[in-house]
């Protein structure tokens, strides 16, 4: 792209249409004179409004958007349900923070984690993140492909068993 001399890193990303569906939003690099000048985490700007990584471009600069890192899905009673890219090592509480936190209706005693095991088997884990109960908090580390659902207090059904599939 040919841009004006006043164009910044954010302007150039906007002009290019941003990262595509497979592109990283957490590890964008500005390459100047064959060296990485800066790395950009767009989440800092999009979620917190932090634009300190937005620097003016120079002639010959290249913006490199690598393939995205691990992604997880969070849905249900959160303020920003979405698919989020992880940097690595994040726990569920940190993901909840990225998602804007739980809504007032969220039932934190029963969060469902749906995960694919290394043996290619589906694992469903019930997680407790309620700091107000006497149980231990299950703040476990996330892996690529995890799917997390927070349920509403109003939809809570107790003593319920569901059987599905070839039973």
Protein backbone atom coordinates (compact mmCIF):
# COMPACT_ATOMS: atom_id res chain seq x y z
CA UNK A 1 0.00 0.00 0.00
CA UNK A 2 1.15 3.52 -0.73
CA UNK A 3 0.34 5.83 2.17
CA UNK A 4 1.04 9.43 3.15
CA UNK A 5 4.04 10.49 5.23
CA UNK A 6 1.76 11.03 8.25
CA UNK A 7 0.41 7.46 8.31
CA UNK A 8 0.77 5.51 11.54
CA UNK A 9 0.84 1.78 12.18
CA UNK A 10 -2.86 1.76 13.16
CA UNK A 11 -3.79 3.78 10.04
CA UNK A 12 -1.99 1.31 7.76
CA UNK A 13 -3.66 -1.68 9.42
CA UNK A 14 -7.03 0.03 8.98
CA UNK A 15 -6.32 0.79 5.29
CA UNK A 16 -5.37 -2.86 4.71
CA UNK A 17 -8.61 -4.08 6.32
CA UNK A 18 -6.94 -5.34 9.50
CA UNK A 19 -5.81 -8.91 10.14
CA UNK A 20 -7.84 -11.53 8.27
CA UNK A 21 -9.63 -14.45 9.96
CA UNK A 22 -6.39 -16.39 10.45
CA UNK A 23 -4.18 -13.39 11.26
CA UNK A 24 -2.89 -12.59 14.73
CA UNK A 25 -4.17 -9.58 16.62
CA UNK A 26 -1.71 -10.08 19.46
CA UNK A 27 1.68 -10.22 17.73
CA UNK A 28 1.78 -7.74 14.81
CA UNK A 29 5.32 -6.60 13.98
CA UNK A 30 6.59 -3.40 12.39
CA UNK A 31 9.79 -4.23 10.51
CA UNK A 32 12.14 -1.35 9.74
CA UNK A 33 15.55 -1.87 8.09
CA UNK A 34 15.15 -5.67 8.40
CA UNK A 35 14.76 -5.48 12.20
CA UNK A 36 11.64 -5.63 14.34
CA UNK A 37 11.00 -2.04 15.41
CA UNK A 38 7.99 -2.82 17.59
CA UNK A 39 5.44 -5.53 18.31
CA UNK A 40 1.79 -4.60 18.60
CA UNK A 41 -0.97 -6.22 20.64
CA UNK A 42 -4.21 -4.86 19.16
CA UNK A 43 -6.14 -6.06 22.24
CA UNK A 44 -4.48 -3.30 24.26
CA UNK A 45 -5.98 -0.74 21.90
CA UNK A 46 -9.33 -2.40 21.21
CA UNK A 47 -10.14 -3.36 24.81
CA UNK A 48 -8.35 -0.65 26.80
CA UNK A 49 -7.88 2.24 24.35
CA UNK A 50 -4.09 2.11 24.82
CA UNK A 51 -2.53 3.58 21.66
CA UNK A 52 1.08 3.98 22.85
CA UNK A 53 2.21 1.36 20.28
CA UNK A 54 0.90 3.48 17.39
CA UNK A 55 4.02 4.92 15.77
CA UNK A 56 4.51 6.83 12.53
CA UNK A 57 5.63 4.79 9.54
CA UNK A 58 8.75 5.50 7.50
CA UNK A 59 9.54 4.75 3.88
CA UNK A 60 10.19 1.05 3.33
CA UNK A 61 8.52 -0.16 6.54
CA UNK A 62 6.79 -3.54 6.48
CA UNK A 63 3.94 -4.63 8.71
CA UNK A 64 3.98 -8.36 9.35
CA UNK A 65 0.81 -10.07 10.62
CA UNK A 66 1.61 -13.70 11.50
CA UNK A 67 -0.88 -16.55 11.80
CA UNK A 68 -2.86 -16.27 15.01
CA UNK A 69 -1.90 -18.08 18.17
CA UNK A 70 -4.19 -20.38 20.14
CA UNK A 71 -7.83 -19.32 20.22
CA UNK A 72 -10.62 -20.02 22.67
CA UNK A 73 -14.32 -19.22 22.73
CA UNK A 74 -16.19 -17.74 25.67
CA UNK A 75 -19.97 -17.40 25.56
CA UNK A 76 -22.99 -16.99 27.75
CA UNK A 77 -23.16 -14.55 30.65
CA UNK A 78 -20.09 -12.41 29.84
CA UNK A 79 -20.05 -8.79 28.70
CA UNK A 80 -18.06 -9.45 25.49
CA UNK A 81 -18.66 -13.02 24.28
CA UNK A 82 -16.24 -13.78 21.44
CA UNK A 83 -13.36 -15.85 20.16
CA UNK A 84 -10.15 -14.64 21.81
CA UNK A 85 -6.54 -15.21 20.84
CA UNK A 86 -4.24 -16.27 23.65
CA UNK A 87 -0.62 -15.31 24.15
CA UNK A 88 0.02 -18.50 26.13
CA UNK A 89 -0.34 -19.43 29.77
CA UNK A 90 -3.59 -17.50 30.38
CA UNK A 91 -6.04 -18.81 32.93
CA UNK A 92 -9.83 -18.62 32.89
CA UNK A 93 -9.88 -15.58 35.20
CA UNK A 94 -7.65 -13.66 32.75
CA UNK A 95 -9.92 -14.64 29.86
CA UNK A 96 -12.91 -13.45 31.85
CA UNK A 97 -11.14 -10.11 32.26
CA UNK A 98 -10.55 -9.88 28.47
CA UNK A 99 -14.25 -10.63 27.95
CA UNK A 100 -15.21 -7.65 30.12
CA UNK A 101 -16.10 -9.78 33.14
CA UNK A 102 -19.16 -11.79 34.00
CA UNK A 103 -22.62 -10.23 33.90
CA UNK A 104 -24.63 -9.77 37.09
CA UNK A 105 -26.68 -12.88 36.17
CA UNK A 106 -23.64 -15.19 35.77
CA UNK A 107 -23.54 -18.30 37.93
CA UNK A 108 -19.82 -18.58 38.73
CA UNK A 109 -20.18 -21.85 40.66
CA UNK A 110 -20.85 -23.75 37.44
CA UNK A 111 -18.79 -22.70 34.42
CA UNK A 112 -18.52 -25.30 31.69
CA UNK A 113 -15.18 -25.92 29.94
CA UNK A 114 -15.37 -28.02 26.76
CA UNK A 115 -11.90 -29.16 25.66
CA UNK A 116 -10.32 -31.55 23.17
CA UNK A 117 -7.76 -33.79 24.93
CA UNK A 118 -4.37 -34.73 23.45
CA UNK A 119 -5.98 -38.12 22.64
CA UNK A 120 -8.59 -36.35 20.45
CA UNK A 121 -11.34 -36.98 22.97
CA UNK A 122 -13.85 -34.43 24.18
CA UNK A 123 -13.53 -33.47 27.84
CA UNK A 124 -16.19 -31.47 29.66
CA UNK A 125 -15.12 -29.95 32.99
CA UNK A 126 -17.26 -28.08 35.51
CA UNK A 127 -15.34 -25.10 36.93
CA UNK A 128 -15.99 -22.97 39.99
CA UNK A 129 -14.79 -19.33 39.94
CA UNK A 130 -17.04 -18.02 42.72
CA UNK A 131 -14.83 -16.33 45.34
CA UNK A 132 -17.75 -16.12 47.79
CA UNK A 133 -18.22 -19.83 48.44
CA UNK A 134 -16.12 -22.14 50.56
CA UNK A 135 -14.89 -24.32 47.70
CA UNK A 136 -11.53 -23.99 46.01
CA UNK A 137 -11.46 -21.79 42.87
CA UNK A 138 -10.64 -23.76 39.70
CA UNK A 139 -8.60 -21.19 37.77
CA UNK A 140 -7.03 -23.55 35.24
CA UNK A 141 -4.78 -22.78 32.28
CA UNK A 142 -6.45 -22.58 28.87
CA UNK A 143 -5.43 -24.43 25.72
CA UNK A 144 -6.13 -23.95 22.02
CA UNK A 145 -9.72 -24.75 21.05
CA UNK A 146 -11.23 -24.48 24.54
CA UNK A 147 -14.88 -23.48 24.67
CA UNK A 148 -16.16 -21.85 27.87
CA UNK A 149 -19.79 -21.17 28.75
CA UNK A 150 -21.10 -19.15 31.67
CA UNK A 151 -24.70 -19.90 32.58
CA UNK A 152 -27.32 -17.59 34.04
CA UNK A 153 -28.60 -17.92 37.59
CA UNK A 154 -32.10 -17.82 36.15
CA UNK A 155 -31.48 -20.79 33.87
CA UNK A 156 -29.94 -22.90 36.62
CA UNK A 157 -31.47 -26.32 36.89
CA UNK A 158 -30.49 -28.42 39.90
CA UNK A 159 -30.46 -32.20 40.13
CA UNK A 160 -30.76 -32.65 36.38
CA UNK A 161 -29.23 -35.42 34.31
CA UNK A 162 -29.08 -35.28 30.52
CA UNK A 163 -28.21 -38.25 28.35
CA UNK A 164 -27.57 -37.79 24.65
CA UNK A 165 -26.19 -39.80 21.78
CA UNK A 166 -26.24 -43.54 21.10
CA UNK A 167 -27.61 -44.64 24.49
